Amino acid sequence: MKDETPLSGSRAGPATALEPPPSAAGPRRVSAGYLFWMVAANFGVSMAYVLPLTYTLTLRIDQLAPGREEVLGYVTGIAQVVYLVASPLLGIWSDRTCSPLGRRQPFLVGGSVLGLVALTSISLAPSLFLIEVGWIVAMLGWATASQAILTLQADRVPEEQRGKVSGLTAATGQISPVIGIAVAAVLPGTLLVFVVPGVLGLALAMTFAVRGPEPDSRTTITAAEPVSLKKILASYVFNPRRHPDFGWNWLGRFVFFMGLYFNTTFSTFFYSQRLDLPVKDVAGAVATAGMVGIVAAMAGAVGGGFLSDRLARRRLFTMIGAVLFTCGAVVEAFAYSFPMLVVGSVLMQLAIAAFSSVDQAIAMAVLPDRGEAGRYMAAVAFSQKIPSALAPLIAPVIIALSTSGDTKNYTALYLTGAVFALIVGLLIVTRVRSVR
């Protein structure tokens, strides 16, 4: 076992650090203080990352290209593709980083700094091209910081606490953009609505890095083989036969998020049809359903995470989440009034949060190689990000094939999402064997 005496230099020793380095036997229980600052960092990074996607990018693009909503899709879609290509490379780099700050925290702090600089440039950009470049860099920065927090959970949090931590980080991820929009609404000027959330994200990330330091990775990482082109290409895939639990869980997540994005991508048009309102007048209804759904999402994320830790059972809660999502999707499929649409939306938000938080804990438990947690957590992220790109392309085909006359058949689309969710629950419960 390596010597765990305090390190010299700028890193805090045991007198000020919230957490000792993990032992050779595995991660130790994290303290309430470490957990608080991890969740706080996730809140700040999520606000800086998600707020532009939900509000401020739209605001900026509308200033330069009013009435051209499709530009937002191009800007976010291109950035998403760039990050999908880059994330496994960042994961490999993180796994091999030797620094006095550890392996993950240089990416947490560095990504946050890069993200803040890029958000500032977007607020001042004089053209759509520079906004695109700025958002690619901003997404790389903030998504890297977010991934660093997730990988730190895999590195430092023991199995008996993963549900709790996953639930709390999922809840803060749900809350942060809502609070961010409320803050942005009272800030004067374009510069501040981009910079203030970025400054908050950076401040909380740096506080977590100081209050919960990693061990010096120069003393814990042994010499590794050089990174070859073959190694880089291999980082984009894994062998499901060698790692069946990881493979089945990855497939379950992929199918779940396909069903989820089927049922959320066209929600504005869906509400417009079911409430017989013009698209421009449906924003209030969508916002109201979303605010109620946030409460349900917090309850699902925190409740599911804490209960799965207490009962030491994960698969049961993913099945509950899948069944709740199925029920919510069926309710919405046949809903023609606002109260029923809200009921369906609340059930789905509760289900999404419960499933995501507990299944994230499963993903951490079945990692093929903890020494390459960065690489494999990037692969886990693919199971959500690939559906976010594919589902909007497939959903119109489902609608078109089942539509008769001029009325779009959203019932078929929502029922397809319900079936997908039910398949997911059965896959994880019956195929993932190493987790209860």
Protein backbone atom coordinates (compact mmCIF):
# COMPACT_ATOMS: atom_id res chain seq x y z
CA MET A 1 0.00 0.00 0.00
CA LYS A 2 1.27 3.48 -0.79
CA ASP A 3 2.23 5.84 1.98
CA GLU A 4 -0.73 8.13 2.79
CA THR A 5 1.16 10.79 4.75
CA PRO A 6 0.36 14.40 3.86
CA LEU A 7 1.89 15.69 0.65
CA SER A 8 4.05 18.74 0.64
CA GLY A 9 3.26 21.71 -1.59
CA SER A 10 0.10 23.60 -2.23
CA ARG A 11 -2.32 20.75 -1.58
CA ALA A 12 -4.00 20.68 1.80
CA GLY A 13 -3.08 17.88 4.18
CA PRO A 14 -5.47 15.98 6.43
CA ALA A 15 -5.89 18.99 8.71
CA THR A 16 -7.90 20.87 6.05
CA ALA A 17 -8.91 18.28 3.47
CA LEU A 18 -12.45 16.92 3.76
CA GLU A 19 -11.52 13.51 2.43
CA PRO A 20 -8.46 11.29 2.70
CA PRO A 21 -7.29 9.60 -0.47
CA PRO A 22 -8.98 6.28 -1.26
CA SER A 23 -7.27 3.21 0.11
CA ALA A 24 -6.13 0.21 -1.84
CA ALA A 25 -9.24 -1.65 -0.61
CA GLY A 26 -11.48 0.81 -2.46
CA PRO A 27 -13.16 4.18 -1.86
CA ARG A 28 -13.94 5.18 1.70
CA ARG A 29 -17.24 6.74 2.76
CA VAL A 30 -17.34 10.40 1.83
CA SER A 31 -18.11 12.96 4.49
CA ALA A 32 -21.11 15.29 4.46
CA GLY A 33 -18.77 18.20 3.70
CA TYR A 34 -17.24 16.49 0.68
CA LEU A 35 -20.69 15.53 -0.56
CA PHE A 36 -21.98 19.10 -0.09
CA TRP A 37 -19.20 20.68 -2.16
CA MET A 38 -19.43 18.02 -4.88
CA VAL A 39 -23.16 18.67 -5.23
CA ALA A 40 -22.59 22.45 -5.11
CA ALA A 41 -19.99 22.20 -7.88
CA ASN A 42 -22.39 20.13 -9.94
CA PHE A 43 -25.07 22.80 -9.41
CA GLY A 44 -22.80 25.61 -10.61
CA VAL A 45 -21.39 23.74 -13.59
CA SER A 46 -24.87 22.57 -14.62
CA MET A 47 -26.21 26.12 -14.51
CA ALA A 48 -23.36 27.46 -16.63
CA TYR A 49 -23.73 24.55 -19.09
CA VAL A 50 -27.51 24.09 -19.38
CA LEU A 51 -28.71 27.71 -19.12
CA PRO A 52 -27.33 28.65 -22.57
CA LEU A 53 -29.05 25.59 -24.08
CA THR A 54 -32.40 26.49 -22.53
CA TYR A 55 -32.33 30.30 -22.70
CA THR A 56 -29.31 32.51 -23.29
CA LEU A 57 -28.12 31.03 -26.61
CA THR A 58 -31.63 31.51 -27.99
CA LEU A 59 -31.56 35.11 -26.77
CA ARG A 60 -28.18 35.81 -28.41
CA ILE A 61 -29.05 34.14 -31.73
CA ASP A 62 -32.34 36.02 -31.91
CA GLN A 63 -30.41 39.28 -31.58
CA LEU A 64 -28.29 38.47 -34.65
CA ALA A 65 -30.77 36.39 -36.69
CA PRO A 66 -34.33 37.17 -35.57
CA GLY A 67 -36.93 34.65 -36.67
CA ARG A 68 -34.37 31.98 -37.65
CA GLU A 69 -35.02 29.31 -35.02
CA GLU A 70 -33.24 26.66 -37.08
CA VAL A 71 -29.90 28.36 -36.37
CA LEU A 72 -30.12 27.25 -32.74
CA GLY A 73 -30.36 23.63 -33.90
CA TYR A 74 -27.30 24.02 -36.11
CA VAL A 75 -25.24 25.68 -33.36
CA THR A 76 -26.09 23.13 -30.67
CA GLY A 77 -26.02 20.12 -33.00
CA ILE A 78 -22.54 20.82 -34.38
CA ALA A 79 -21.17 21.41 -30.88
CA GLN A 80 -22.73 18.15 -29.71
CA VAL A 81 -21.00 16.20 -32.50
CA VAL A 82 -17.64 17.80 -31.67
CA TYR A 83 -18.00 16.86 -28.01
CA LEU A 84 -19.05 13.29 -28.82
CA VAL A 85 -15.85 12.87 -30.83
CA ALA A 86 -13.66 14.52 -28.20
CA SER A 87 -15.05 13.06 -24.96
CA PRO A 88 -13.32 9.63 -25.07
CA LEU A 89 -10.02 11.36 -25.82
CA LEU A 90 -10.55 13.62 -22.82
CA GLY A 91 -11.39 10.52 -20.78
CA ILE A 92 -8.10 8.81 -21.74
CA TRP A 93 -6.17 12.01 -20.99
CA SER A 94 -7.88 12.28 -17.60
CA ASP A 95 -7.10 8.65 -16.71
CA ARG A 96 -3.39 9.22 -17.46
CA THR A 97 -2.96 12.68 -15.95
CA CYS A 98 -0.08 12.88 -13.46
CA SER A 99 -0.29 16.09 -11.44
CA PRO A 100 -0.16 17.33 -7.84
CA LEU A 101 -3.87 18.17 -8.24
CA GLY A 102 -4.81 14.58 -9.06
CA ARG A 103 -6.32 13.17 -12.26
CA ARG A 104 -9.78 14.76 -12.43
CA GLN A 105 -9.59 18.17 -10.80
CA PRO A 106 -7.33 19.73 -13.47
CA PHE A 107 -10.18 18.96 -15.90
CA LEU A 108 -12.81 20.28 -13.48
CA VAL A 109 -11.08 23.62 -12.97
CA GLY A 110 -9.54 23.90 -16.45
CA GLY A 111 -12.84 23.06 -18.15
CA SER A 112 -14.65 25.67 -16.03
CA VAL A 113 -12.11 28.38 -16.88
CA LEU A 114 -12.34 27.53 -20.59
CA GLY A 115 -16.14 27.53 -20.38
CA LEU A 116 -16.28 30.96 -18.72
CA VAL A 117 -13.97 32.50 -21.32
CA ALA A 118 -16.06 31.02 -24.13
CA LEU A 119 -19.37 32.23 -22.62
CA THR A 120 -17.91 35.74 -22.40
CA SER A 121 -16.91 35.57 -26.07
CA ILE A 122 -20.43 34.45 -27.08
CA SER A 123 -21.96 37.45 -25.31
CA LEU A 124 -19.72 39.79 -27.35
CA ALA A 125 -19.61 37.85 -30.67
CA PRO A 126 -20.59 40.00 -33.69
CA SER A 127 -21.52 37.05 -35.97
CA LEU A 128 -23.27 33.69 -35.95
CA PHE A 129 -20.03 31.97 -36.95
CA LEU A 130 -18.25 33.28 -33.85
CA ILE A 131 -21.21 32.23 -31.69
CA GLU A 132 -20.86 28.71 -33.13
CA VAL A 133 -17.13 28.65 -32.39
CA GLY A 134 -17.75 30.07 -28.92
CA TRP A 135 -20.40 27.47 -28.09
CA ILE A 136 -18.22 24.58 -29.29
CA VAL A 137 -15.49 25.76 -26.91
CA ALA A 138 -17.97 26.49 -24.10
CA MET A 139 -19.56 23.06 -24.43
CA LEU A 140 -16.16 21.36 -24.44
CA GLY A 141 -15.21 23.28 -21.30
CA TRP A 142 -18.36 22.86 -19.22
CA ALA A 143 -19.07 19.29 -20.38
CA THR A 144 -15.49 18.36 -19.45
CA ALA A 145 -15.98 19.88 -16.00
CA SER A 146 -19.29 18.04 -15.61
CA GLN A 147 -17.71 14.76 -16.69
CA ALA A 148 -14.89 15.30 -14.17
CA ILE A 149 -17.45 15.52 -11.34
CA LEU A 150 -19.13 12.34 -12.57
CA THR A 151 -15.80 10.51 -12.79
CA LEU A 152 -14.84 11.69 -9.31
CA GLN A 153 -18.02 10.03 -8.09
CA ALA A 154 -16.83 6.77 -9.67
CA ASP A 155 -13.34 7.24 -8.19
CA ARG A 156 -14.10 8.44 -4.68
CA VAL A 157 -17.64 7.43 -3.65
CA PRO A 158 -18.19 3.90 -2.30
CA GLU A 159 -21.02 1.67 -3.47
CA GLU A 160 -23.16 2.22 -0.37
CA GLN A 161 -23.31 6.00 -1.01
CA ARG A 162 -23.57 6.11 -4.81
CA GLY A 163 -27.35 6.22 -4.95
CA LYS A 164 -27.48 9.20 -2.59
CA VAL A 165 -24.77 11.11 -4.47
CA SER A 166 -26.25 10.30 -7.88
CA GLY A 167 -29.69 11.41 -6.67
CA LEU A 168 -28.43 14.72 -5.30
CA THR A 169 -26.38 15.55 -8.39
CA ALA A 170 -29.33 14.65 -10.62
CA ALA A 171 -31.59 16.92 -8.55
CA THR A 172 -29.20 19.87 -8.76
CA GLY A 173 -28.92 19.29 -12.50
CA GLN A 174 -32.72 19.66 -12.72
CA ILE A 175 -32.91 22.72 -10.47
CA SER A 176 -29.95 24.73 -11.77
CA PRO A 177 -31.33 25.81 -15.19
CA VAL A 178 -34.65 26.87 -13.63
CA ILE A 179 -32.86 29.04 -11.05
CA GLY A 180 -30.50 30.22 -13.78
CA ILE A 181 -33.37 31.47 -15.94
CA ALA A 182 -34.84 33.30 -12.93
CA VAL A 183 -31.47 34.96 -12.25
CA ALA A 184 -30.91 35.80 -15.93
CA ALA A 185 -34.34 37.45 -16.13
CA VAL A 186 -33.30 40.16 -13.66
CA LEU A 187 -29.78 40.75 -15.00
CA PRO A 188 -29.31 43.78 -17.27
CA GLY A 189 -27.49 43.33 -20.56
CA THR A 190 -26.36 40.35 -22.63
CA LEU A 191 -22.88 40.17 -21.09
CA LEU A 192 -24.11 39.54 -17.55
CA VAL A 193 -26.62 36.80 -18.44
CA PHE A 194 -23.73 34.78 -19.86
CA VAL A 195 -20.96 35.74 -17.45
CA VAL A 196 -22.70 35.59 -14.04
CA PRO A 197 -23.70 31.88 -14.30
CA GLY A 198 -20.20 31.12 -15.64
CA VAL A 199 -18.52 32.90 -12.74
CA LEU A 200 -20.72 31.02 -10.27
CA GLY A 201 -19.89 27.71 -11.97
CA LEU A 202 -16.15 28.41 -11.84
CA ALA A 203 -16.28 29.61 -8.22
CA LEU A 204 -18.08 26.47 -7.01
CA ALA A 205 -15.82 24.19 -9.06
CA MET A 206 -12.70 25.79 -7.57
CA THR A 207 -14.17 25.63 -4.06
CA PHE A 208 -14.80 21.91 -4.45
CA ALA A 209 -11.25 21.44 -5.76
CA VAL A 210 -9.84 23.20 -2.66
CA ARG A 211 -12.18 21.66 -0.08
CA GLY A 212 -12.08 18.12 -1.47
CA PRO A 213 -8.62 17.63 -2.97
CA GLU A 214 -7.53 14.51 -4.81
CA PRO A 215 -4.33 12.69 -3.93
CA ASP A 216 -1.23 13.60 -5.95
CA SER A 217 -1.53 11.31 -8.98
CA ARG A 218 2.21 11.45 -9.64
CA THR A 219 2.56 8.98 -6.79
CA THR A 220 -0.36 6.72 -7.73
CA ILE A 221 -0.15 6.31 -11.51
CA THR A 222 2.44 3.90 -12.83
CA ALA A 223 4.02 4.20 -16.26
CA ALA A 224 1.54 3.24 -18.99
CA GLU A 225 1.98 2.18 -22.57
CA PRO A 226 2.06 5.05 -25.10
CA VAL A 227 -1.31 6.12 -26.49
CA SER A 228 -1.48 4.73 -30.03
CA LEU A 229 -4.07 5.32 -32.75
CA LYS A 230 -5.42 1.83 -31.97
CA LYS A 231 -5.80 2.78 -28.32
CA ILE A 232 -7.62 5.99 -29.26
CA LEU A 233 -10.03 4.19 -31.59
CA ALA A 234 -10.61 1.48 -28.98
CA SER A 235 -11.69 4.15 -26.49
CA TYR A 236 -14.89 4.71 -28.47
CA VAL A 237 -16.06 1.13 -27.97
CA PHE A 238 -16.05 -1.68 -25.40
CA ASN A 239 -16.46 -5.44 -25.57
CA PRO A 240 -19.93 -6.37 -24.22
CA ARG A 241 -19.02 -10.07 -24.14
CA ARG A 242 -16.12 -9.44 -21.78
CA HIS A 243 -18.14 -6.96 -19.71
CA PRO A 244 -21.78 -8.13 -20.02
CA ASP A 245 -23.20 -6.15 -17.09
CA PHE A 246 -21.69 -2.92 -18.39
CA GLY A 247 -22.94 -3.77 -21.88
CA TRP A 248 -26.51 -4.58 -20.83
CA ASN A 249 -26.74 -1.50 -18.66
CA TRP A 250 -25.38 0.65 -21.50
CA LEU A 251 -27.99 -0.80 -23.86
CA GLY A 252 -30.73 -0.22 -21.28
CA ARG A 253 -29.75 3.44 -20.91
CA PHE A 254 -29.59 3.84 -24.69
CA VAL A 255 -33.10 2.46 -25.19
CA PHE A 256 -34.49 4.47 -22.26
CA PHE A 257 -33.16 7.76 -23.58
CA MET A 258 -34.38 6.97 -27.09
CA GLY A 259 -37.88 6.64 -25.65
CA LEU A 260 -37.39 9.77 -23.55
CA TYR A 261 -36.30 11.93 -26.50
CA PHE A 262 -39.15 10.56 -28.62
CA ASN A 263 -41.51 12.01 -26.02
CA THR A 264 -39.80 15.33 -25.31
CA THR A 265 -38.34 16.60 -28.59
CA PHE A 266 -41.72 17.58 -30.05
CA SER A 267 -43.46 18.43 -26.78
CA THR A 268 -44.24 22.01 -27.82
CA PHE A 269 -45.96 20.87 -31.02
CA PHE A 270 -47.69 18.07 -29.07
CA TYR A 271 -49.11 20.52 -26.49
CA SER A 272 -50.16 22.86 -29.29
CA GLN A 273 -52.19 20.08 -30.95
CA ARG A 274 -53.76 18.67 -27.78
CA LEU A 275 -54.70 22.09 -26.35
CA ASP A 276 -55.74 23.49 -29.75
CA LEU A 277 -53.45 26.49 -29.37
CA PRO A 278 -51.05 28.20 -31.79
CA VAL A 279 -47.43 27.18 -31.16
CA LYS A 280 -46.53 30.72 -30.10
CA ASP A 281 -49.20 30.63 -27.35
CA VAL A 282 -48.25 27.29 -25.81
CA ALA A 283 -45.13 28.45 -23.93
CA GLY A 284 -47.05 29.20 -20.72
CA ALA A 285 -48.56 25.72 -20.61
CA VAL A 286 -45.19 24.06 -21.23
CA ALA A 287 -43.53 26.23 -18.57
CA THR A 288 -46.22 25.45 -15.99
CA ALA A 289 -45.97 21.72 -16.59
CA GLY A 290 -42.18 22.02 -16.41
CA MET A 291 -42.22 23.84 -13.05
CA VAL A 292 -44.50 21.21 -11.51
CA GLY A 293 -42.30 18.54 -13.05
CA ILE A 294 -39.20 19.98 -11.37
CA VAL A 295 -40.67 19.21 -7.95
CA ALA A 296 -41.42 15.65 -9.07
CA ALA A 297 -37.92 15.32 -10.53
CA MET A 298 -36.30 16.38 -7.26
CA ALA A 299 -38.42 13.89 -5.35
CA GLY A 300 -37.58 11.09 -7.79
CA ALA A 301 -33.85 11.80 -7.88
CA VAL A 302 -33.29 12.23 -4.15
CA GLY A 303 -35.87 9.67 -3.03
CA GLY A 304 -34.75 7.00 -5.47
CA GLY A 305 -31.08 7.57 -4.70
CA PHE A 306 -31.45 7.54 -0.90
CA LEU A 307 -33.80 4.56 -0.83
CA SER A 308 -31.63 2.50 -3.16
CA ASP A 309 -28.68 3.09 -0.81
CA ARG A 310 -30.71 2.26 2.29
CA LEU A 311 -32.16 -0.93 0.82
CA ALA A 312 -28.96 -1.82 -1.05
CA ARG A 313 -31.03 -2.47 -4.16
CA ARG A 314 -30.56 -0.72 -7.52
CA ARG A 315 -32.31 -2.78 -10.20
CA LEU A 316 -35.66 -2.60 -8.40
CA PHE A 317 -35.62 1.21 -8.62
CA THR A 318 -34.69 1.26 -12.30
CA MET A 319 -37.70 -0.99 -12.91
CA ILE A 320 -39.92 1.33 -10.87
CA GLY A 321 -38.61 4.29 -12.89
CA ALA A 322 -39.26 2.48 -16.17
CA VAL A 323 -42.81 1.54 -15.14
CA LEU A 324 -43.58 5.10 -14.00
CA PHE A 325 -42.27 6.45 -17.30
CA THR A 326 -44.46 3.98 -19.18
CA CYS A 327 -47.51 5.10 -17.19
CA GLY A 328 -46.73 8.78 -17.77
CA ALA A 329 -46.23 8.27 -21.50
CA VAL A 330 -49.53 6.37 -21.79
CA VAL A 331 -51.38 9.11 -19.89
CA GLU A 332 -49.94 11.78 -22.20
CA ALA A 333 -50.63 9.70 -25.31
CA PHE A 334 -54.37 9.82 -24.57
CA ALA A 335 -54.53 13.23 -22.84
CA TYR A 336 -56.62 16.00 -24.41
CA SER A 337 -56.84 18.40 -21.47
CA PHE A 338 -54.22 20.44 -19.66
CA PRO A 339 -54.67 18.74 -16.25
CA MET A 340 -54.13 15.29 -17.80
CA LEU A 341 -51.10 16.54 -19.72
CA VAL A 342 -49.63 17.80 -16.43
CA VAL A 343 -50.32 14.45 -14.73
CA GLY A 344 -48.51 12.63 -17.53
CA SER A 345 -45.62 15.10 -17.49
CA VAL A 346 -45.20 14.84 -13.70
CA LEU A 347 -45.14 11.03 -13.84
CA MET A 348 -42.52 11.13 -16.59
CA GLN A 349 -40.32 13.68 -14.78
CA LEU A 350 -40.52 11.62 -11.58
CA ALA A 351 -39.58 8.51 -13.55
CA ILE A 352 -36.72 10.11 -15.47
CA ALA A 353 -35.10 11.41 -12.29
CA ALA A 354 -35.55 8.15 -10.36
CA PHE A 355 -34.22 6.04 -13.22
CA SER A 356 -31.29 8.30 -14.11
CA SER A 357 -29.96 8.70 -10.58
CA VAL A 358 -30.10 4.99 -9.69
CA ASP A 359 -28.92 3.74 -13.08
CA GLN A 360 -25.95 6.11 -12.85
CA ALA A 361 -25.00 4.34 -9.62
CA ILE A 362 -25.30 0.98 -11.45
CA ALA A 363 -23.06 2.26 -14.25
CA MET A 364 -20.38 3.20 -11.70
CA ALA A 365 -20.66 -0.20 -10.01
CA VAL A 366 -20.12 -2.18 -13.24
CA LEU A 367 -17.25 -0.20 -14.76
CA PRO A 368 -14.94 -2.63 -16.58
CA ASP A 369 -11.75 -0.95 -15.30
CA ARG A 370 -11.66 1.64 -12.52
CA GLY A 371 -8.19 2.64 -13.63
CA GLU A 372 -9.82 3.93 -16.83
CA ALA A 373 -12.94 5.41 -15.23
CA GLY A 374 -12.67 8.54 -17.38
CA ARG A 375 -12.79 6.53 -20.60
CA TYR A 376 -15.69 4.32 -19.50
CA MET A 377 -17.75 7.15 -18.02
CA ALA A 378 -17.42 8.87 -21.41
CA ALA A 379 -18.83 5.68 -22.95
CA VAL A 380 -21.71 5.82 -20.44
CA ALA A 381 -22.41 9.40 -21.56
CA PHE A 382 -22.68 8.14 -25.16
CA SER A 383 -25.73 6.08 -24.15
CA GLN A 384 -27.57 9.36 -23.53
CA LYS A 385 -26.02 11.70 -26.07
CA ILE A 386 -26.39 9.43 -29.13
CA PRO A 387 -30.18 9.11 -28.57
CA SER A 388 -30.41 12.89 -28.21
CA ALA A 389 -29.16 13.12 -31.80
CA LEU A 390 -30.97 10.08 -33.26
CA ALA A 391 -34.43 10.36 -31.67
CA PRO A 392 -35.33 13.72 -33.29
CA LEU A 393 -34.54 12.16 -36.68
CA ILE A 394 -36.53 8.95 -36.10
CA ALA A 395 -39.55 10.48 -34.34
CA PRO A 396 -40.93 12.24 -37.48
CA VAL A 397 -40.83 8.88 -39.31
CA ILE A 398 -42.95 7.26 -36.57
CA ILE A 399 -45.40 10.16 -36.73
CA ALA A 400 -45.58 10.11 -40.55
CA LEU A 401 -46.10 6.34 -40.82
CA SER A 402 -49.01 6.38 -38.39
CA THR A 403 -50.70 9.65 -39.40
CA SER A 404 -53.95 9.74 -41.30
CA GLY A 405 -55.16 13.05 -42.70
CA ASP A 406 -53.67 16.32 -41.46
CA THR A 407 -53.56 15.47 -37.74
CA LYS A 408 -50.17 14.28 -36.52
CA ASN A 409 -50.38 10.99 -34.63
CA TYR A 410 -48.50 11.86 -31.45
CA THR A 411 -50.33 9.02 -29.68
CA ALA A 412 -48.20 6.50 -31.61
CA LEU A 413 -45.00 8.40 -30.77
CA TYR A 414 -45.73 8.51 -27.04
CA LEU A 415 -46.79 4.87 -26.94
CA THR A 416 -43.52 3.94 -28.68
CA GLY A 417 -41.63 5.74 -25.91
CA ALA A 418 -43.70 3.85 -23.32
CA VAL A 419 -42.81 0.48 -24.88
CA PHE A 420 -39.12 1.42 -24.99
CA ALA A 421 -39.16 2.28 -21.28
CA LEU A 422 -40.76 -1.02 -20.33
CA ILE A 423 -38.15 -2.92 -22.36
CA VAL A 424 -35.41 -1.06 -20.46
CA GLY A 425 -36.72 -2.08 -17.05
CA LEU A 426 -36.88 -5.72 -18.06
CA LEU A 427 -33.39 -5.61 -19.62
CA ILE A 428 -31.68 -4.23 -16.54
CA VAL A 429 -33.61 -6.35 -14.01
CA THR A 430 -33.01 -9.61 -15.86
CA ARG A 431 -29.57 -9.09 -17.44
CA VAL A 432 -27.43 -7.03 -15.04
CA ARG A 433 -26.38 -9.69 -12.56
CA SER A 434 -23.57 -8.24 -10.43
CA VAL A 435 -25.72 -5.49 -8.89
CA ARG A 436 -28.75 -6.17 -6.68
